[in-house]
């Protein structure tokens, strides 16, 4: 098992956004990490991108048993329960469009 801790942030002025994460083994030892600047968008989309990029990194390194830690409760609920937990379908469509373009 490995664990990925991810996070995303948007600047106060809404001019920059960034994501990053750290991958650790089951003993807590650092394995790898990532950080990148992304397009400014909704915080939910930035947090989603951090999870996606963290998983892509883990899978590219051959890790298949992955635990992801993220501090966005709505995103965690969405991953656990599917998009039915989000009441605003327009927001879901925007997220899908954004993820497929990026």
PDB file of N, CA and C in Angstrom:
ATOM      1  N   UNK A   1       0.822  -1.188   0.000  1.00  0.00           N
ATOM      2  CA  UNK A   1       0.000   0.000   0.000  1.00  0.00           C
ATOM      3  C   UNK A   1       0.861   1.245   0.000  1.00  0.00           C
ATOM      4  N   UNK A   2       0.398   2.269  -0.726  1.00  0.00           N
ATOM      5  CA  UNK A   2       1.004   3.586  -0.638  1.00  0.00           C
ATOM      6  C   UNK A   2      -0.093   4.589  -0.317  1.00  0.00           C
ATOM      7  N   UNK A   3       0.329   5.741   0.140  1.00  0.00           N
ATOM      8  CA  UNK A   3      -0.615   6.798   0.483  1.00  0.00           C
ATOM      9  C   UNK A   3      -0.215   8.070  -0.241  1.00  0.00           C
ATOM     10  N   UNK A   4      -1.212   8.732  -0.837  1.00  0.00           N
ATOM     11  CA  UNK A   4      -0.979  10.004  -1.508  1.00  0.00           C
ATOM     12  C   UNK A   4      -1.717  11.088  -0.738  1.00  0.00           C
ATOM     13  N   UNK A   5      -1.002  12.113  -0.330  1.00  0.00           N
ATOM     14  CA  UNK A   5      -1.618  13.296   0.263  1.00  0.00           C
ATOM     15  C   UNK A   5      -1.600  14.380  -0.801  1.00  0.00           C
ATOM     16  N   UNK A   6      -2.783  14.889  -1.149  1.00  0.00           N
ATOM     17  CA  UNK A   6      -2.881  15.893  -2.209  1.00  0.00           C
ATOM     18  C   UNK A   6      -3.599  17.139  -1.715  1.00  0.00           C
ATOM     19  N   UNK A   7      -3.346  18.232  -2.407  1.00  0.00           N
ATOM     20  CA  UNK A   7      -4.052  19.471  -2.099  1.00  0.00           C
ATOM     21  C   UNK A   7      -3.962  20.395  -3.301  1.00  0.00           C
ATOM     22  N   UNK A   8      -4.888  21.315  -3.352  1.00  0.00           N
ATOM     23  CA  UNK A   8      -4.900  22.330  -4.386  1.00  0.00           C
ATOM     24  C   UNK A   8      -5.176  23.670  -3.749  1.00  0.00           C
ATOM     25  N   UNK A   9      -4.737  24.720  -4.404  1.00  0.00           N
ATOM     26  CA  UNK A   9      -5.000  26.047  -3.862  1.00  0.00           C
ATOM     27  C   UNK A   9      -5.186  27.044  -4.998  1.00  0.00           C
ATOM     28  N   UNK A  10      -5.957  28.078  -4.692  1.00  0.00           N
ATOM     29  CA  UNK A  10      -6.199  29.169  -5.629  1.00  0.00           C
ATOM     30  C   UNK A  10      -5.781  30.453  -4.926  1.00  0.00           C
ATOM     31  N   UNK A  11      -5.084  31.326  -5.640  1.00  0.00           N
ATOM     32  CA  UNK A  11      -4.627  32.569  -5.026  1.00  0.00           C
ATOM     33  C   UNK A  11      -5.806  33.450  -4.634  1.00  0.00           C
ATOM     34  N   UNK A  12      -5.579  34.317  -3.689  1.00  0.00           N
ATOM     35  CA  UNK A  12      -6.616  35.228  -3.206  1.00  0.00           C
ATOM     36  C   UNK A  12      -7.147  36.085  -4.357  1.00  0.00           C
ATOM     37  N   UNK A  13      -6.278  36.477  -5.268  1.00  0.00           N
ATOM     38  CA  UNK A  13      -6.671  37.331  -6.395  1.00  0.00           C
ATOM     39  C   UNK A  13      -7.272  36.525  -7.545  1.00  0.00           C
ATOM     40  N   UNK A  14      -7.351  35.195  -7.389  1.00  0.00           N
ATOM     41  CA  UNK A  14      -7.853  34.309  -8.442  1.00  0.00           C
ATOM     42  C   UNK A  14      -7.042  34.417  -9.727  1.00  0.00           C
ATOM     43  N   UNK A  15      -5.730  34.635  -9.594  1.00  0.00           N
ATOM     44  CA  UNK A  15      -4.881  34.732 -10.765  1.00  0.00           C
ATOM     45  C   UNK A  15      -4.030  33.491 -10.986  1.00  0.00           C
ATOM     46  N   UNK A  16      -3.850  32.681  -9.957  1.00  0.00           N
ATOM     47  CA  UNK A  16      -3.036  31.477 -10.070  1.00  0.00           C
ATOM     48  C   UNK A  16      -3.666  30.347  -9.266  1.00  0.00           C
ATOM     49  N   UNK A  17      -3.439  29.137  -9.726  1.00  0.00           N
ATOM     50  CA  UNK A  17      -3.860  27.948  -8.988  1.00  0.00           C
ATOM     51  C   UNK A  17      -2.720  26.936  -9.049  1.00  0.00           C
ATOM     52  N   UNK A  18      -2.618  26.130  -8.014  1.00  0.00           N
ATOM     53  CA  UNK A  18      -1.554  25.131  -7.959  1.00  0.00           C
ATOM     54  C   UNK A  18      -2.066  23.876  -7.281  1.00  0.00           C
ATOM     55  N   UNK A  19      -1.465  22.759  -7.658  1.00  0.00           N
ATOM     56  CA  UNK A  19      -1.774  21.487  -7.013  1.00  0.00           C
ATOM     57  C   UNK A  19      -0.468  20.795  -6.675  1.00  0.00           C
ATOM     58  N   UNK A  20      -0.553  19.869  -5.747  1.00  0.00           N
ATOM     59  CA  UNK A  20       0.626  19.113  -5.392  1.00  0.00           C
ATOM     60  C   UNK A  20       0.271  17.931  -4.525  1.00  0.00           C
ATOM     61  N   UNK A  21       1.239  17.068  -4.348  1.00  0.00           N
ATOM     62  CA  UNK A  21       1.007  15.907  -3.517  1.00  0.00           C
ATOM     63  C   UNK A  21       2.289  15.165  -3.213  1.00  0.00           C
ATOM     64  N   UNK A  22       2.222  14.352  -2.187  1.00  0.00           N
ATOM     65  CA  UNK A  22       3.350  13.520  -1.774  1.00  0.00           C
ATOM     66  C   UNK A  22       2.893  12.073  -1.700  1.00  0.00           C
ATOM     67  N   UNK A  23       3.751  11.180  -2.155  1.00  0.00           N
ATOM     68  CA  UNK A  23       3.471   9.742  -2.130  1.00  0.00           C
ATOM     69  C   UNK A  23       4.411   9.110  -1.121  1.00  0.00           C
ATOM     70  N   UNK A  24       3.824   8.345  -0.195  1.00  0.00           N
ATOM     71  CA  UNK A  24       4.612   7.688   0.850  1.00  0.00           C
ATOM     72  C   UNK A  24       4.268   6.203   0.909  1.00  0.00           C
ATOM     73  N   UNK A  25       5.230   5.414   1.363  1.00  0.00           N
ATOM     74  CA  UNK A  25       4.974   3.978   1.511  1.00  0.00           C
ATOM     75  C   UNK A  25       4.242   3.696   2.818  1.00  0.00           C
ATOM     76  N   UNK A  26       3.994   2.423   3.088  1.00  0.00           N
ATOM     77  CA  UNK A  26       3.209   2.044   4.268  1.00  0.00           C
ATOM     78  C   UNK A  26       3.919   2.370   5.586  1.00  0.00           C
ATOM     79  N   UNK A  27       5.219   2.670   5.531  1.00  0.00           N
ATOM     80  CA  UNK A  27       5.958   3.081   6.727  1.00  0.00           C
ATOM     81  C   UNK A  27       6.079   4.593   6.842  1.00  0.00           C
ATOM     82  N   UNK A  28       5.498   5.319   5.904  1.00  0.00           N
ATOM     83  CA  UNK A  28       5.560   6.768   5.920  1.00  0.00           C
ATOM     84  C   UNK A  28       6.770   7.355   5.234  1.00  0.00           C
ATOM     85  N   UNK A  29       7.566   6.513   4.575  1.00  0.00           N
ATOM     86  CA  UNK A  29       8.745   6.997   3.867  1.00  0.00           C
ATOM     87  C   UNK A  29       8.364   7.651   2.544  1.00  0.00           C
ATOM     88  N   UNK A  30       8.978   8.810   2.236  1.00  0.00           N
ATOM     89  CA  UNK A  30       8.701   9.530   1.003  1.00  0.00           C
ATOM     90  C   UNK A  30       9.154   8.697  -0.192  1.00  0.00           C
ATOM     91  N   UNK A  31       8.283   8.583  -1.200  1.00  0.00           N
ATOM     92  CA  UNK A  31       8.630   7.880  -2.432  1.00  0.00           C
ATOM     93  C   UNK A  31       8.797   8.845  -3.602  1.00  0.00           C
ATOM     94  N   UNK A  32       7.847   9.732  -3.763  1.00  0.00           N
ATOM     95  CA  UNK A  32       7.891  10.713  -4.834  1.00  0.00           C
ATOM     96  C   UNK A  32       6.865  11.808  -4.547  1.00  0.00           C
ATOM     97  N   UNK A  33       6.871  12.846  -5.342  1.00  0.00           N
ATOM     98  CA  UNK A  33       5.910  13.929  -5.154  1.00  0.00           C
ATOM     99  C   UNK A  33       5.697  14.650  -6.480  1.00  0.00           C
ATOM    100  N   UNK A  34       4.739  15.542  -6.486  1.00  0.00           N
ATOM    101  CA  UNK A  34       4.483  16.350  -7.673  1.00  0.00           C
ATOM    102  C   UNK A  34       3.964  17.713  -7.252  1.00  0.00           C
ATOM    103  N   UNK A  35       4.146  18.675  -8.136  1.00  0.00           N
ATOM    104  CA  UNK A  35       3.603  20.019  -7.944  1.00  0.00           C
ATOM    105  C   UNK A  35       3.472  20.643  -9.319  1.00  0.00           C
ATOM    106  N   UNK A  36       2.397  21.380  -9.528  1.00  0.00           N
ATOM    107  CA  UNK A  36       2.219  22.051 -10.813  1.00  0.00           C
ATOM    108  C   UNK A  36       1.272  23.227 -10.692  1.00  0.00           C
ATOM    109  N   UNK A  37       1.458  24.165 -11.591  1.00  0.00           N
ATOM    110  CA  UNK A  37       0.558  25.298 -11.732  1.00  0.00           C
ATOM    111  C   UNK A  37      -0.530  24.867 -12.718  1.00  0.00           C
ATOM    112  N   UNK A  38      -1.770  25.203 -12.425  1.00  0.00           N
ATOM    113  CA  UNK A  38      -2.878  24.843 -13.306  1.00  0.00           C
ATOM    114  C   UNK A  38      -3.691  26.078 -13.649  1.00  0.00           C
ATOM    115  N   UNK A  39      -4.637  25.873 -14.524  1.00  0.00           N
ATOM    116  CA  UNK A  39      -5.551  26.958 -14.858  1.00  0.00           C
ATOM    117  C   UNK A  39      -6.392  27.306 -13.639  1.00  0.00           C
ATOM    118  N   UNK A  40      -6.692  28.576 -13.496  1.00  0.00           N
ATOM    119  CA  UNK A  40      -7.574  29.007 -12.412  1.00  0.00           C
ATOM    120  C   UNK A  40      -8.974  28.497 -12.713  1.00  0.00           C
ATOM    121  N   UNK A  41      -9.604  27.936 -11.713  1.00  0.00           N
ATOM    122  CA  UNK A  41     -10.924  27.358 -11.877  1.00  0.00           C
ATOM    123  C   UNK A  41     -11.587  27.295 -10.516  1.00  0.00           C
ATOM    124  N   UNK A  42     -12.731  26.605 -10.454  1.00  0.00           N
ATOM    125  CA  UNK A  42     -13.406  26.394  -9.174  1.00  0.00           C
ATOM    126  C   UNK A  42     -12.514  25.560  -8.260  1.00  0.00           C
ATOM    127  N   UNK A  43     -12.582  25.817  -6.965  1.00  0.00           N
ATOM    128  CA  UNK A  43     -11.770  25.080  -6.001  1.00  0.00           C
ATOM    129  C   UNK A  43     -12.026  23.583  -6.114  1.00  0.00           C
ATOM    130  N   UNK A  44     -13.287  23.187  -6.313  1.00  0.00           N
ATOM    131  CA  UNK A  44     -13.606  21.765  -6.444  1.00  0.00           C
ATOM    132  C   UNK A  44     -12.836  21.144  -7.617  1.00  0.00           C
ATOM    133  N   UNK A  45     -12.737  21.862  -8.712  1.00  0.00           N
ATOM    134  CA  UNK A  45     -12.016  21.344  -9.878  1.00  0.00           C
ATOM    135  C   UNK A  45     -10.515  21.264  -9.616  1.00  0.00           C
ATOM    136  N   UNK A  46      -9.985  22.237  -8.910  1.00  0.00           N
ATOM    137  CA  UNK A  46      -8.564  22.222  -8.572  1.00  0.00           C
ATOM    138  C   UNK A  46      -8.265  21.025  -7.669  1.00  0.00           C
ATOM    139  N   UNK A  47      -9.110  20.816  -6.669  1.00  0.00           N
ATOM    140  CA  UNK A  47      -8.924  19.670  -5.769  1.00  0.00           C
ATOM    141  C   UNK A  47      -9.068  18.351  -6.538  1.00  0.00           C
ATOM    142  N   UNK A  48     -10.024  18.288  -7.450  1.00  0.00           N
ATOM    143  CA  UNK A  48     -10.204  17.087  -8.270  1.00  0.00           C
ATOM    144  C   UNK A  48      -8.961  16.817  -9.101  1.00  0.00           C
ATOM    145  N   UNK A  49      -8.431  17.861  -9.690  1.00  0.00           N
ATOM    146  CA  UNK A  49      -7.219  17.699 -10.500  1.00  0.00           C
ATOM    147  C   UNK A  49      -6.066  17.176  -9.659  1.00  0.00           C
ATOM    148  N   UNK A  50      -5.959  17.605  -8.398  1.00  0.00           N
ATOM    149  CA  UNK A  50      -4.876  17.125  -7.543  1.00  0.00           C
ATOM    150  C   UNK A  50      -4.993  15.619  -7.308  1.00  0.00           C
ATOM    151  N   UNK A  51      -6.223  15.135  -7.122  1.00  0.00           N
ATOM    152  CA  UNK A  51      -6.433  13.693  -6.943  1.00  0.00           C
ATOM    153  C   UNK A  51      -6.085  12.943  -8.228  1.00  0.00           C
ATOM    154  N   UNK A  52      -6.566  13.441  -9.357  1.00  0.00           N
ATOM    155  CA  UNK A  52      -6.301  12.793 -10.644  1.00  0.00           C
ATOM    156  C   UNK A  52      -4.799  12.717 -10.913  1.00  0.00           C
ATOM    157  N   UNK A  53      -4.105  13.824 -10.731  1.00  0.00           N
ATOM    158  CA  UNK A  53      -2.659  13.830 -10.988  1.00  0.00           C
ATOM    159  C   UNK A  53      -1.914  12.927 -10.006  1.00  0.00           C
ATOM    160  N   UNK A  54      -2.353  12.890  -8.761  1.00  0.00           N
ATOM    161  CA  UNK A  54      -1.735  11.996  -7.787  1.00  0.00           C
ATOM    162  C   UNK A  54      -1.901  10.535  -8.165  1.00  0.00           C
ATOM    163  N   UNK A  55      -3.095  10.174  -8.600  1.00  0.00           N
ATOM    164  CA  UNK A  55      -3.338   8.799  -9.033  1.00  0.00           C
ATOM    165  C   UNK A  55      -2.552   8.458 -10.301  1.00  0.00           C
ATOM    166  N   UNK A  56      -2.505   9.379 -11.240  1.00  0.00           N
ATOM    167  CA  UNK A  56      -1.727   9.148 -12.461  1.00  0.00           C
ATOM    168  C   UNK A  56      -0.264   8.905 -12.136  1.00  0.00           C
ATOM    169  N   UNK A  57       0.279   9.691 -11.208  1.00  0.00           N
ATOM    170  CA  UNK A  57       1.672   9.516 -10.806  1.00  0.00           C
ATOM    171  C   UNK A  57       1.877   8.149 -10.163  1.00  0.00           C
ATOM    172  N   UNK A  58       1.002   7.802  -9.224  1.00  0.00           N
ATOM    173  CA  UNK A  58       1.129   6.511  -8.535  1.00  0.00           C
ATOM    174  C   UNK A  58       1.048   5.353  -9.518  1.00  0.00           C
ATOM    175  N   UNK A  59       0.079   5.403 -10.407  1.00  0.00           N
ATOM    176  CA  UNK A  59      -0.091   4.316 -11.378  1.00  0.00           C
ATOM    177  C   UNK A  59       1.078   4.252 -12.354  1.00  0.00           C
ATOM    178  N   UNK A  60       1.638   5.407 -12.734  1.00  0.00           N
ATOM    179  CA  UNK A  60       2.788   5.400 -13.652  1.00  0.00           C
ATOM    180  C   UNK A  60       4.017   4.777 -12.996  1.00  0.00           C
ATOM    181  N   UNK A  61       4.072   4.813 -11.667  1.00  0.00           N
ATOM    182  CA  UNK A  61       5.178   4.203 -10.928  1.00  0.00           C
ATOM    183  C   UNK A  61       4.911   2.731 -10.605  1.00  0.00           C
ATOM    184  N   UNK A  62       3.743   2.228 -11.033  1.00  0.00           N
ATOM    185  CA  UNK A  62       3.420   0.823 -10.832  1.00  0.00           C
ATOM    186  C   UNK A  62       2.675   0.503  -9.552  1.00  0.00           C
ATOM    187  N   UNK A  63       2.284   1.511  -8.798  1.00  0.00           N
ATOM    188  CA  UNK A  63       1.538   1.281  -7.562  1.00  0.00           C
ATOM    189  C   UNK A  63       0.068   1.065  -7.894  1.00  0.00           C
ATOM    190  N   UNK A  64      -0.504   0.006  -7.361  1.00  0.00           N
ATOM    191  CA  UNK A  64      -1.916  -0.291  -7.640  1.00  0.00           C
ATOM    192  C   UNK A  64      -2.794  -0.227  -6.396  1.00  0.00           C
ATOM    193  N   UNK A  65      -2.203  -0.356  -5.240  1.00  0.00           N
ATOM    194  CA  UNK A  65      -2.963  -0.252  -3.993  1.00  0.00           C
ATOM    195  C   UNK A  65      -2.672   1.118  -3.394  1.00  0.00           C
ATOM    196  N   UNK A  66      -3.625   2.032  -3.588  1.00  0.00           N
ATOM    197  CA  UNK A  66      -3.395   3.443  -3.284  1.00  0.00           C
ATOM    198  C   UNK A  66      -4.489   3.977  -2.366  1.00  0.00           C
ATOM    199  N   UNK A  67      -4.076   4.679  -1.330  1.00  0.00           N
ATOM    200  CA  UNK A  67      -5.001   5.413  -0.471  1.00  0.00           C
ATOM    201  C   UNK A  67      -4.743   6.892  -0.722  1.00  0.00           C
ATOM    202  N   UNK A  68      -5.820   7.646  -0.959  1.00  0.00           N
ATOM    203  CA  UNK A  68      -5.689   9.071  -1.245  1.00  0.00           C
ATOM    204  C   UNK A  68      -6.268   9.885  -0.101  1.00  0.00           C
ATOM    205  N   UNK A  69      -5.507  10.854   0.376  1.00  0.00           N
ATOM    206  CA  UNK A  69      -6.001  11.800   1.377  1.00  0.00           C
ATOM    207  C   UNK A  69      -6.175  13.156   0.721  1.00  0.00           C
ATOM    208  N   UNK A  70      -7.371  13.728   0.918  1.00  0.00           N
ATOM    209  CA  UNK A  70      -7.728  15.023   0.350  1.00  0.00           C
ATOM    210  C   UNK A  70      -8.584  15.748   1.372  1.00  0.00           C
ATOM    211  N   UNK A  71      -8.447  17.070   1.472  1.00  0.00           N
ATOM    212  CA  UNK A  71      -9.185  17.804   2.493  1.00  0.00           C
ATOM    213  C   UNK A  71     -10.497  18.413   1.994  1.00  0.00           C
ATOM    214  N   UNK A  72     -10.955  18.032   0.812  1.00  0.00           N
ATOM    215  CA  UNK A  72     -12.204  18.565   0.274  1.00  0.00           C
ATOM    216  C   UNK A  72     -13.323  17.553   0.528  1.00  0.00           C
ATOM    217  N   UNK A  73     -14.168  17.831   1.513  1.00  0.00           N
ATOM    218  CA  UNK A  73     -15.213  16.890   1.926  1.00  0.00           C
ATOM    219  C   UNK A  73     -16.185  16.568   0.793  1.00  0.00           C
ATOM    220  N   UNK A  74     -16.538  17.574  -0.022  1.00  0.00           N
ATOM    221  CA  UNK A  74     -17.470  17.311  -1.123  1.00  0.00           C
ATOM    222  C   UNK A  74     -16.848  16.377  -2.161  1.00  0.00           C
ATOM    223  N   UNK A  75     -15.571  16.537  -2.438  1.00  0.00           N
ATOM    224  CA  UNK A  75     -14.888  15.657  -3.384  1.00  0.00           C
ATOM    225  C   UNK A  75     -14.807  14.233  -2.845  1.00  0.00           C
ATOM    226  N   UNK A  76     -14.477  14.090  -1.578  1.00  0.00           N
ATOM    227  CA  UNK A  76     -14.411  12.755  -0.971  1.00  0.00           C
ATOM    228  C   UNK A  76     -15.773  12.087  -1.036  1.00  0.00           C
ATOM    229  N   UNK A  77     -16.830  12.832  -0.717  1.00  0.00           N
ATOM    230  CA  UNK A  77     -18.185  12.296  -0.788  1.00  0.00           C
ATOM    231  C   UNK A  77     -18.540  11.894  -2.213  1.00  0.00           C
ATOM    232  N   UNK A  78     -18.138  12.698  -3.180  1.00  0.00           N
ATOM    233  CA  UNK A  78     -18.416  12.401  -4.580  1.00  0.00           C
ATOM    234  C   UNK A  78     -17.711  11.125  -5.018  1.00  0.00           C
ATOM    235  N   UNK A  79     -16.459  10.972  -4.633  1.00  0.00           N
ATOM    236  CA  UNK A  79     -15.711   9.769  -4.995  1.00  0.00           C
ATOM    237  C   UNK A  79     -16.327   8.532  -4.346  1.00  0.00           C
ATOM    238  N   UNK A  80     -16.684   8.656  -3.096  1.00  0.00           N
ATOM    239  CA  UNK A  80     -17.269   7.510  -2.373  1.00  0.00           C
ATOM    240  C   UNK A  80     -18.655   7.130  -2.878  1.00  0.00           C
ATOM    241  N   UNK A  81     -19.489   8.121  -3.174  1.00  0.00           N
ATOM    242  CA  UNK A  81     -20.902   7.857  -3.470  1.00  0.00           C
ATOM    243  C   UNK A  81     -21.307   8.129  -4.910  1.00  0.00           C
ATOM    244  N   UNK A  82     -20.417   8.587  -5.732  1.00  0.00           N
ATOM    245  CA  UNK A  82     -20.754   8.907  -7.113  1.00  0.00           C
ATOM    246  C   UNK A  82     -21.372  10.289  -7.206  1.00  0.00           C
ATOM    247  N   UNK A  83     -21.611  10.719  -8.423  1.00  0.00           N
ATOM    248  CA  UNK A  83     -22.108  12.069  -8.660  1.00  0.00           C
ATOM    249  C   UNK A  83     -23.529  12.291  -8.168  1.00  0.00           C
ATOM    250  N   UNK A  84     -24.222  11.261  -7.742  1.00  0.00           N
ATOM    251  CA  UNK A  84     -25.576  11.434  -7.209  1.00  0.00           C
ATOM    252  C   UNK A  84     -25.577  12.291  -5.952  1.00  0.00           C
ATOM    253  N   UNK A  85     -24.421  12.373  -5.276  1.00  0.00           N
ATOM    254  CA  UNK A  85     -24.369  13.169  -4.050  1.00  0.00           C
ATOM    255  C   UNK A  85     -24.280  14.670  -4.317  1.00  0.00           C
ATOM    256  N   UNK A  86     -24.034  15.054  -5.575  1.00  0.00           N
ATOM    257  CA  UNK A  86     -23.974  16.467  -5.914  1.00  0.00           C
ATOM    258  C   UNK A  86     -25.305  16.871  -6.524  1.00  0.00           C
ATOM    259  N   UNK A  87     -25.943  17.859  -5.935  1.00  0.00           N
ATOM    260  CA  UNK A  87     -27.276  18.239  -6.386  1.00  0.00           C
ATOM    261  C   UNK A  87     -27.250  19.140  -7.616  1.00  0.00           C
ATOM    262  N   UNK A  88     -26.146  19.811  -7.888  1.00  0.00           N
ATOM    263  CA  UNK A  88     -26.083  20.742  -9.001  1.00  0.00           C
ATOM    264  C   UNK A  88     -25.458  20.054 -10.219  1.00  0.00           C
ATOM    265  N   UNK A  89     -26.278  19.552 -11.133  1.00  0.00           N
ATOM    266  CA  UNK A  89     -25.793  18.800 -12.289  1.00  0.00           C
ATOM    267  C   UNK A  89     -24.946  19.668 -13.207  1.00  0.00           C
ATOM    268  N   UNK A  90     -25.209  20.968 -13.300  1.00  0.00           N
ATOM    269  CA  UNK A  90     -24.412  21.854 -14.141  1.00  0.00           C
ATOM    270  C   UNK A  90     -22.961  21.872 -13.670  1.00  0.00           C
ATOM    271  N   UNK A  91     -22.762  21.859 -12.361  1.00  0.00           N
ATOM    272  CA  UNK A  91     -21.410  21.846 -11.813  1.00  0.00           C
ATOM    273  C   UNK A  91     -20.699  20.548 -12.194  1.00  0.00           C
ATOM    274  N   UNK A  92     -21.417  19.440 -12.164  1.00  0.00           N
ATOM    275  CA  UNK A  92     -20.844  18.148 -12.541  1.00  0.00           C
ATOM    276  C   UNK A  92     -20.433  18.176 -14.006  1.00  0.00           C
ATOM    277  N   UNK A  93     -21.255  18.744 -14.871  1.00  0.00           N
ATOM    278  CA  UNK A  93     -20.925  18.817 -16.284  1.00  0.00           C
ATOM    279  C   UNK A  93     -19.689  19.674 -16.511  1.00  0.00           C
ATOM    280  N   UNK A  94     -19.569  20.778 -15.805  1.00  0.00           N
ATOM    281  CA  UNK A  94     -18.386  21.625 -15.919  1.00  0.00           C
ATOM    282  C   UNK A  94     -17.132  20.869 -15.485  1.00  0.00           C
ATOM    283  N   UNK A  95     -17.242  20.122 -14.409  1.00  0.00           N
ATOM    284  CA  UNK A  95     -16.104  19.345 -13.910  1.00  0.00           C
ATOM    285  C   UNK A  95     -15.689  18.316 -14.943  1.00  0.00           C
ATOM    286  N   UNK A  96     -16.665  17.614 -15.513  1.00  0.00           N
ATOM    287  CA  UNK A  96     -16.365  16.597 -16.515  1.00  0.00           C
ATOM    288  C   UNK A  96     -15.678  17.223 -17.726  1.00  0.00           C
ATOM    289  N   UNK A  97     -16.198  18.330 -18.206  1.00  0.00           N
ATOM    290  CA  UNK A  97     -15.612  19.009 -19.362  1.00  0.00           C
ATOM    291  C   UNK A  97     -14.208  19.466 -19.049  1.00  0.00           C
ATOM    292  N   UNK A  98     -13.993  20.015 -17.865  1.00  0.00           N
ATOM    293  CA  UNK A  98     -12.677  20.508 -17.480  1.00  0.00           C
ATOM    294  C   UNK A  98     -11.675  19.367 -17.384  1.00  0.00           C
ATOM    295  N   UNK A  99     -12.088  18.259 -16.783  1.00  0.00           N
ATOM    296  CA  UNK A  99     -11.171  17.122 -16.602  1.00  0.00           C
ATOM    297  C   UNK A  99     -10.797  16.481 -17.936  1.00  0.00           C
ATOM    298  N   UNK A 100     -11.737  16.436 -18.866  1.00  0.00           N
ATOM    299  CA  UNK A 100     -11.428  15.809 -20.141  1.00  0.00           C
ATOM    300  C   UNK A 100     -10.547  16.695 -21.020  1.00  0.00           C
ATOM    301  N   UNK A 101     -10.580  17.998 -20.819  1.00  0.00           N
ATOM    302  CA  UNK A 101      -9.736  18.916 -21.584  1.00  0.00           C
ATOM    303  C   UNK A 101      -8.336  19.003 -21.020  1.00  0.00           C
ATOM    304  N   UNK A 102      -8.198  18.757 -19.720  1.00  0.00           N
ATOM    305  CA  UNK A 102      -6.896  18.954 -19.062  1.00  0.00           C
ATOM    306  C   UNK A 102      -6.252  17.653 -18.781  1.00  0.00           C
TER     307      UNK A 102
END
